[in-house]
Amino acid sequence: MKKNKNMKITKDTLLADIINQEKAESALEKHQVPCLSCPFAKLEMHELTIGQICENYGLDCEELLKDLNNDLNRPDE
């Protein structure tokens, strides 16, 4: 997996762009993004944006984006 230094996640970022990022998993789980366990997500992830997911499931998009950006841009230990 290539490193994404200074990766900026926005509401327009596709789920497919971050779903396989190890550092994104904790933020997605913390905010209970249902796509992680949904079999249909694999079919739709190249079309679903973070903003659409938040809107569809009533998630706090601002907080999720903050956590995703913090986690993905955190230096490796």
PDB file of N, CA and C in Angstrom:
ATOM      1  N   MET A   1       0.861  -1.184   0.000  1.00  0.00           N
ATOM      2  CA  MET A   1       0.000   0.000   0.000  1.00  0.00           C
ATOM      3  C   MET A   1       0.894   1.229   0.000  1.00  0.00           C
ATOM      4  N   LYS A   2       0.686   2.133  -0.916  1.00  0.00           N
ATOM      5  CA  LYS A   2       1.528   3.320  -0.944  1.00  0.00           C
ATOM      6  C   LYS A   2       1.055   4.325   0.100  1.00  0.00           C
ATOM      7  N   LYS A   3       1.998   5.074   0.604  1.00  0.00           N
ATOM      8  CA  LYS A   3       1.687   6.075   1.620  1.00  0.00           C
ATOM      9  C   LYS A   3       1.093   7.305   0.969  1.00  0.00           C
ATOM     10  N   ASN A   4       0.152   7.922   1.667  1.00  0.00           N
ATOM     11  CA  ASN A   4      -0.501   9.115   1.143  1.00  0.00           C
ATOM     12  C   ASN A   4      -0.219  10.275   2.090  1.00  0.00           C
ATOM     13  N   LYS A   5       0.951  10.858   1.968  1.00  0.00           N
ATOM     14  CA  LYS A   5       1.286  11.988   2.827  1.00  0.00           C
ATOM     15  C   LYS A   5       0.435  13.177   2.447  1.00  0.00           C
ATOM     16  N   ASN A   6      -0.095  13.831   3.466  1.00  0.00           N
ATOM     17  CA  ASN A   6      -0.930  15.008   3.288  1.00  0.00           C
ATOM     18  C   ASN A   6      -2.151  14.735   2.417  1.00  0.00           C
ATOM     19  N   MET A   7      -2.705  13.552   2.538  1.00  0.00           N
ATOM     20  CA  MET A   7      -3.924  13.212   1.811  1.00  0.00           C
ATOM     21  C   MET A   7      -5.070  14.020   2.400  1.00  0.00           C
ATOM     22  N   LYS A   8      -5.848  14.667   1.561  1.00  0.00           N
ATOM     23  CA  LYS A   8      -6.965  15.489   2.010  1.00  0.00           C
ATOM     24  C   LYS A   8      -8.270  14.807   1.628  1.00  0.00           C
ATOM     25  N   ILE A   9      -9.023  14.386   2.646  1.00  0.00           N
ATOM     26  CA  ILE A   9     -10.317  13.749   2.440  1.00  0.00           C
ATOM     27  C   ILE A   9     -11.389  14.828   2.525  1.00  0.00           C
ATOM     28  N   THR A  10     -12.282  14.857   1.546  1.00  0.00           N
ATOM     29  CA  THR A  10     -13.391  15.813   1.535  1.00  0.00           C
ATOM     30  C   THR A  10     -14.694  15.041   1.412  1.00  0.00           C
ATOM     31  N   LYS A  11     -15.798  15.750   1.452  1.00  0.00           N
ATOM     32  CA  LYS A  11     -17.104  15.099   1.297  1.00  0.00           C
ATOM     33  C   LYS A  11     -17.257  14.484  -0.089  1.00  0.00           C
ATOM     34  N   ASP A  12     -16.422  14.908  -1.041  1.00  0.00           N
ATOM     35  CA  ASP A  12     -16.475  14.390  -2.403  1.00  0.00           C
ATOM     36  C   ASP A  12     -15.524  13.213  -2.654  1.00  0.00           C
ATOM     37  N   THR A  13     -14.763  12.833  -1.623  1.00  0.00           N
ATOM     38  CA  THR A  13     -13.854  11.695  -1.751  1.00  0.00           C
ATOM     39  C   THR A  13     -14.666  10.413  -1.870  1.00  0.00           C
ATOM     40  N   LEU A  14     -14.270   9.567  -2.800  1.00  0.00           N
ATOM     41  CA  LEU A  14     -14.966   8.296  -2.982  1.00  0.00           C
ATOM     42  C   LEU A  14     -14.562   7.302  -1.892  1.00  0.00           C
ATOM     43  N   LEU A  15     -15.514   6.504  -1.467  1.00  0.00           N
ATOM     44  CA  LEU A  15     -15.242   5.471  -0.475  1.00  0.00           C
ATOM     45  C   LEU A  15     -14.121   4.554  -0.963  1.00  0.00           C
ATOM     46  N   ALA A  16     -14.108   4.252  -2.252  1.00  0.00           N
ATOM     47  CA  ALA A  16     -13.086   3.370  -2.827  1.00  0.00           C
ATOM     48  C   ALA A  16     -11.676   3.922  -2.625  1.00  0.00           C
ATOM     49  N   ASP A  17     -11.536   5.233  -2.516  1.00  0.00           N
ATOM     50  CA  ASP A  17     -10.218   5.843  -2.359  1.00  0.00           C
ATOM     51  C   ASP A  17      -9.634   5.657  -0.960  1.00  0.00           C
ATOM     52  N   ILE A  18     -10.488   5.340   0.013  1.00  0.00           N
ATOM     53  CA  ILE A  18      -9.973   5.234   1.386  1.00  0.00           C
ATOM     54  C   ILE A  18     -10.274   3.905   2.068  1.00  0.00           C
ATOM     55  N   ILE A  19     -11.173   3.107   1.520  1.00  0.00           N
ATOM     56  CA  ILE A  19     -11.636   1.909   2.213  1.00  0.00           C
ATOM     57  C   ILE A  19     -10.503   0.947   2.561  1.00  0.00           C
ATOM     58  N   ASN A  20      -9.460   0.891   1.768  1.00  0.00           N
ATOM     59  CA  ASN A  20      -8.356  -0.029   2.031  1.00  0.00           C
ATOM     60  C   ASN A  20      -7.181   0.601   2.764  1.00  0.00           C
ATOM     61  N   GLN A  21      -7.363   1.820   3.209  1.00  0.00           N
ATOM     62  CA  GLN A  21      -6.326   2.505   3.982  1.00  0.00           C
ATOM     63  C   GLN A  21      -6.452   2.066   5.441  1.00  0.00           C
ATOM     64  N   GLU A  22      -5.416   1.415   5.958  1.00  0.00           N
ATOM     65  CA  GLU A  22      -5.463   0.936   7.345  1.00  0.00           C
ATOM     66  C   GLU A  22      -5.837   2.039   8.326  1.00  0.00           C
ATOM     67  N   LYS A  23      -5.255   3.201   8.144  1.00  0.00           N
ATOM     68  CA  LYS A  23      -5.494   4.295   9.086  1.00  0.00           C
ATOM     69  C   LYS A  23      -6.919   4.835   9.018  1.00  0.00           C
ATOM     70  N   ALA A  24      -7.617   4.615   7.924  1.00  0.00           N
ATOM     71  CA  ALA A  24      -8.996   5.100   7.794  1.00  0.00           C
ATOM     72  C   ALA A  24      -9.980   4.212   8.531  1.00  0.00           C
ATOM     73  N   GLU A  25      -9.624   2.964   8.706  1.00  0.00           N
ATOM     74  CA  GLU A  25     -10.551   1.998   9.284  1.00  0.00           C
ATOM     75  C   GLU A  25     -11.045   2.408  10.672  1.00  0.00           C
ATOM     76  N   SER A  26     -10.170   2.902  11.520  1.00  0.00           N
ATOM     77  CA  SER A  26     -10.585   3.258  12.881  1.00  0.00           C
ATOM     78  C   SER A  26     -11.591   4.408  12.885  1.00  0.00           C
ATOM     79  N   ALA A  27     -11.390   5.398  12.023  1.00  0.00           N
ATOM     80  CA  ALA A  27     -12.333   6.520  11.949  1.00  0.00           C
ATOM     81  C   ALA A  27     -13.676   6.058  11.394  1.00  0.00           C
ATOM     82  N   LEU A  28     -13.648   5.207  10.378  1.00  0.00           N
ATOM     83  CA  LEU A  28     -14.896   4.699   9.797  1.00  0.00           C
ATOM     84  C   LEU A  28     -15.665   3.860  10.821  1.00  0.00           C
ATOM     85  N   GLU A  29     -14.945   3.060  11.598  1.00  0.00           N
ATOM     86  CA  GLU A  29     -15.588   2.267  12.651  1.00  0.00           C
ATOM     87  C   GLU A  29     -16.120   3.157  13.766  1.00  0.00           C
ATOM     88  N   LYS A  30     -15.324   4.125  14.182  1.00  0.00           N
ATOM     89  CA  LYS A  30     -15.727   5.046  15.259  1.00  0.00           C
ATOM     90  C   LYS A  30     -17.049   5.738  14.931  1.00  0.00           C
ATOM     91  N   HIS A  31     -17.224   6.094  13.676  1.00  0.00           N
ATOM     92  CA  HIS A  31     -18.432   6.809  13.248  1.00  0.00           C
ATOM     93  C   HIS A  31     -19.518   5.858  12.735  1.00  0.00           C
ATOM     94  N   GLN A  32     -19.278   4.575  12.927  1.00  0.00           N
ATOM     95  CA  GLN A  32     -20.250   3.527  12.590  1.00  0.00           C
ATOM     96  C   GLN A  32     -20.724   3.620  11.140  1.00  0.00           C
ATOM     97  N   VAL A  33     -19.769   3.772  10.234  1.00  0.00           N
ATOM     98  CA  VAL A  33     -20.081   3.782   8.805  1.00  0.00           C
ATOM     99  C   VAL A  33     -20.493   2.355   8.418  1.00  0.00           C
ATOM    100  N   PRO A  34     -21.748   2.159   8.043  1.00  0.00           N
ATOM    101  CA  PRO A  34     -22.249   0.807   7.796  1.00  0.00           C
ATOM    102  C   PRO A  34     -21.649   0.126   6.567  1.00  0.00           C
ATOM    103  N   CYS A  35     -21.010   0.878   5.720  1.00  0.00           N
ATOM    104  CA  CYS A  35     -20.455   0.321   4.478  1.00  0.00           C
ATOM    105  C   CYS A  35     -19.363  -0.717   4.740  1.00  0.00           C
ATOM    106  N   LEU A  36     -18.742  -0.662   5.906  1.00  0.00           N
ATOM    107  CA  LEU A  36     -17.671  -1.601   6.211  1.00  0.00           C
ATOM    108  C   LEU A  36     -18.158  -3.039   6.247  1.00  0.00           C
ATOM    109  N   SER A  37     -19.410  -3.239   6.625  1.00  0.00           N
ATOM    110  CA  SER A  37     -19.937  -4.601   6.717  1.00  0.00           C
ATOM    111  C   SER A  37     -21.037  -4.879   5.690  1.00  0.00           C
ATOM    112  N   CYS A  38     -21.260  -3.957   4.788  1.00  0.00           N
ATOM    113  CA  CYS A  38     -22.334  -4.110   3.802  1.00  0.00           C
ATOM    114  C   CYS A  38     -21.820  -4.782   2.530  1.00  0.00           C
ATOM    115  N   PRO A  39     -22.445  -5.887   2.131  1.00  0.00           N
ATOM    116  CA  PRO A  39     -21.994  -6.558   0.912  1.00  0.00           C
ATOM    117  C   PRO A  39     -22.204  -5.708  -0.354  1.00  0.00           C
ATOM    118  N   PHE A  40     -23.157  -4.806  -0.336  1.00  0.00           N
ATOM    119  CA  PHE A  40     -23.410  -3.965  -1.508  1.00  0.00           C
ATOM    120  C   PHE A  40     -22.364  -2.856  -1.665  1.00  0.00           C
ATOM    121  N   ALA A  41     -21.687  -2.514  -0.577  1.00  0.00           N
ATOM    122  CA  ALA A  41     -20.676  -1.457  -0.629  1.00  0.00           C
ATOM    123  C   ALA A  41     -19.582  -1.785  -1.639  1.00  0.00           C
ATOM    124  N   LYS A  42     -19.235  -3.064  -1.755  1.00  0.00           N
ATOM    125  CA  LYS A  42     -18.206  -3.462  -2.715  1.00  0.00           C
ATOM    126  C   LYS A  42     -18.616  -3.114  -4.149  1.00  0.00           C
ATOM    127  N   LEU A  43     -19.905  -3.157  -4.408  1.00  0.00           N
ATOM    128  CA  LEU A  43     -20.408  -2.843  -5.746  1.00  0.00           C
ATOM    129  C   LEU A  43     -20.535  -1.343  -5.981  1.00  0.00           C
ATOM    130  N   GLU A  44     -20.771  -0.598  -4.898  1.00  0.00           N
ATOM    131  CA  GLU A  44     -21.071   0.832  -5.013  1.00  0.00           C
ATOM    132  C   GLU A  44     -19.930   1.763  -4.616  1.00  0.00           C
ATOM    133  N   MET A  45     -18.872   1.236  -4.017  1.00  0.00           N
ATOM    134  CA  MET A  45     -17.851   2.104  -3.425  1.00  0.00           C
ATOM    135  C   MET A  45     -17.149   3.014  -4.421  1.00  0.00           C
ATOM    136  N   HIS A  46     -17.182   2.676  -5.692  1.00  0.00           N
ATOM    137  CA  HIS A  46     -16.544   3.540  -6.701  1.00  0.00           C
ATOM    138  C   HIS A  46     -17.458   4.695  -7.112  1.00  0.00           C
ATOM    139  N   GLU A  47     -18.664   4.711  -6.580  1.00  0.00           N
ATOM    140  CA  GLU A  47     -19.616   5.787  -6.876  1.00  0.00           C
ATOM    141  C   GLU A  47     -20.017   6.564  -5.627  1.00  0.00           C
ATOM    142  N   LEU A  48     -19.873   5.937  -4.447  1.00  0.00           N
ATOM    143  CA  LEU A  48     -20.298   6.568  -3.196  1.00  0.00           C
ATOM    144  C   LEU A  48     -19.252   7.533  -2.667  1.00  0.00           C
ATOM    145  N   THR A  49     -19.691   8.755  -2.371  1.00  0.00           N
ATOM    146  CA  THR A  49     -18.783   9.724  -1.743  1.00  0.00           C
ATOM    147  C   THR A  49     -19.001   9.698  -0.236  1.00  0.00           C
ATOM    148  N   ILE A  50     -18.037  10.205   0.488  1.00  0.00           N
ATOM    149  CA  ILE A  50     -18.159  10.293   1.946  1.00  0.00           C
ATOM    150  C   ILE A  50     -19.369  11.145   2.302  1.00  0.00           C
ATOM    151  N   GLY A  51     -19.581  12.233   1.576  1.00  0.00           N
ATOM    152  CA  GLY A  51     -20.732  13.100   1.821  1.00  0.00           C
ATOM    153  C   GLY A  51     -22.057  12.384   1.636  1.00  0.00           C
ATOM    154  N   GLN A  52     -22.172  11.572   0.586  1.00  0.00           N
ATOM    155  CA  GLN A  52     -23.407  10.812   0.346  1.00  0.00           C
ATOM    156  C   GLN A  52     -23.660   9.805   1.461  1.00  0.00           C
ATOM    157  N   ILE A  53     -22.603   9.139   1.887  1.00  0.00           N
ATOM    158  CA  ILE A  53     -22.735   8.149   2.962  1.00  0.00           C
ATOM    159  C   ILE A  53     -23.233   8.833   4.234  1.00  0.00           C
ATOM    160  N   CYS A  54     -22.631   9.961   4.569  1.00  0.00           N
ATOM    161  CA  CYS A  54     -23.037  10.689   5.776  1.00  0.00           C
ATOM    162  C   CYS A  54     -24.489  11.137   5.682  1.00  0.00           C
ATOM    163  N   GLU A  55     -24.869  11.643   4.530  1.00  0.00           N
ATOM    164  CA  GLU A  55     -26.241  12.102   4.331  1.00  0.00           C
ATOM    165  C   GLU A  55     -27.231  10.934   4.427  1.00  0.00           C
ATOM    166  N   ASN A  56     -26.909   9.825   3.783  1.00  0.00           N
ATOM    167  CA  ASN A  56     -27.806   8.665   3.774  1.00  0.00           C
ATOM    168  C   ASN A  56     -27.999   8.038   5.149  1.00  0.00           C
ATOM    169  N   TYR A  57     -26.957   8.086   5.975  1.00  0.00           N
ATOM    170  CA  TYR A  57     -27.017   7.403   7.264  1.00  0.00           C
ATOM    171  C   TYR A  57     -27.043   8.353   8.456  1.00  0.00           C
ATOM    172  N   GLY A  58     -27.198   9.640   8.204  1.00  0.00           N
ATOM    173  CA  GLY A  58     -27.300  10.611   9.292  1.00  0.00           C
ATOM    174  C   GLY A  58     -26.029  10.740  10.119  1.00  0.00           C
ATOM    175  N   LEU A  59     -24.879  10.607   9.476  1.00  0.00           N
ATOM    176  CA  LEU A  59     -23.603  10.708  10.174  1.00  0.00           C
ATOM    177  C   LEU A  59     -23.099  12.153  10.140  1.00  0.00           C
ATOM    178  N   ASP A  60     -22.338  12.522  11.152  1.00  0.00           N
ATOM    179  CA  ASP A  60     -21.760  13.861  11.234  1.00  0.00           C
ATOM    180  C   ASP A  60     -20.565  13.932  10.285  1.00  0.00           C
ATOM    181  N   CYS A  61     -20.779  14.478   9.113  1.00  0.00           N
ATOM    182  CA  CYS A  61     -19.767  14.504   8.063  1.00  0.00           C
ATOM    183  C   CYS A  61     -18.540  15.304   8.494  1.00  0.00           C
ATOM    184  N   GLU A  62     -18.751  16.415   9.137  1.00  0.00           N
ATOM    185  CA  GLU A  62     -17.635  17.263   9.557  1.00  0.00           C
ATOM    186  C   GLU A  62     -16.707  16.521  10.517  1.00  0.00           C
ATOM    187  N   GLU A  63     -17.290  15.823  11.490  1.00  0.00           N
ATOM    188  CA  GLU A  63     -16.492  15.072  12.464  1.00  0.00           C
ATOM    189  C   GLU A  63     -15.791  13.880  11.806  1.00  0.00           C
ATOM    190  N   LEU A  64     -16.491  13.180  10.927  1.00  0.00           N
ATOM    191  CA  LEU A  64     -15.887  12.046  10.239  1.00  0.00           C
ATOM    192  C   LEU A  64     -14.707  12.513   9.389  1.00  0.00           C
ATOM    193  N   LEU A  65     -14.884  13.594   8.651  1.00  0.00           N
ATOM    194  CA  LEU A  65     -13.798  14.121   7.821  1.00  0.00           C
ATOM    195  C   LEU A  65     -12.615  14.553   8.670  1.00  0.00           C
ATOM    196  N   LYS A  66     -12.885  15.184   9.794  1.00  0.00           N
ATOM    197  CA  LYS A  66     -11.815  15.607  10.700  1.00  0.00           C
ATOM    198  C   LYS A  66     -11.013  14.397  11.172  1.00  0.00           C
ATOM    199  N   ASP A  67     -11.720  13.349  11.604  1.00  0.00           N
ATOM    200  CA  ASP A  67     -11.039  12.150  12.087  1.00  0.00           C
ATOM    201  C   ASP A  67     -10.289  11.433  10.967  1.00  0.00           C
ATOM    202  N   LEU A  68     -10.905  11.323   9.798  1.00  0.00           N
ATOM    203  CA  LEU A  68     -10.225  10.672   8.668  1.00  0.00           C
ATOM    204  C   LEU A  68      -8.947  11.418   8.299  1.00  0.00           C
ATOM    205  N   ASN A  69      -9.027  12.730   8.198  1.00  0.00           N
ATOM    206  CA  ASN A  69      -7.846  13.513   7.827  1.00  0.00           C
ATOM    207  C   ASN A  69      -6.765  13.434   8.899  1.00  0.00           C
ATOM    208  N   ASN A  70      -7.160  13.478  10.165  1.00  0.00           N
ATOM    209  CA  ASN A  70      -6.181  13.352  11.251  1.00  0.00           C
ATOM    210  C   ASN A  70      -5.510  11.986  11.208  1.00  0.00           C
ATOM    211  N   ASP A  71      -6.311  10.928  11.055  1.00  0.00           N
ATOM    212  CA  ASP A  71      -5.753   9.571  11.073  1.00  0.00           C
ATOM    213  C   ASP A  71      -4.888   9.294   9.842  1.00  0.00           C
ATOM    214  N   LEU A  72      -5.364   9.676   8.670  1.00  0.00           N
ATOM    215  CA  LEU A  72      -4.609   9.378   7.451  1.00  0.00           C
ATOM    216  C   LEU A  72      -3.315  10.180   7.325  1.00  0.00           C
ATOM    217  N   ASN A  73      -3.256  11.318   7.964  1.00  0.00           N
ATOM    218  CA  ASN A  73      -2.065  12.151   7.863  1.00  0.00           C
ATOM    219  C   ASN A  73      -1.175  12.066   9.097  1.00  0.00           C
ATOM    220  N   ARG A  74      -1.526  11.164  10.004  1.00  0.00           N
ATOM    221  CA  ARG A  74      -0.709  10.926  11.190  1.00  0.00           C
ATOM    222  C   ARG A  74       0.575  10.199  10.745  1.00  0.00           C
ATOM    223  N   PRO A  75       1.716  10.654  11.233  1.00  0.00           N
ATOM    224  CA  PRO A  75       2.973   9.979  10.846  1.00  0.00           C
ATOM    225  C   PRO A  75       3.008   8.540  11.351  1.00  0.00           C
ATOM    226  N   ASP A  76       3.651   7.679  10.581  1.00  0.00           N
ATOM    227  CA  ASP A  76       3.834   6.293  11.018  1.00  0.00           C
ATOM    228  C   ASP A  76       4.747   6.276  12.215  1.00  0.00           C
ATOM    229  N   GLU A  77       4.447   5.352  13.110  1.00  0.00           N
ATOM    230  CA  GLU A  77       5.270   5.261  14.326  1.00  0.00           C
ATOM    231  C   GLU A  77       6.450   4.350  14.133  1.00  0.00           C
TER     232      GLU A  77
END
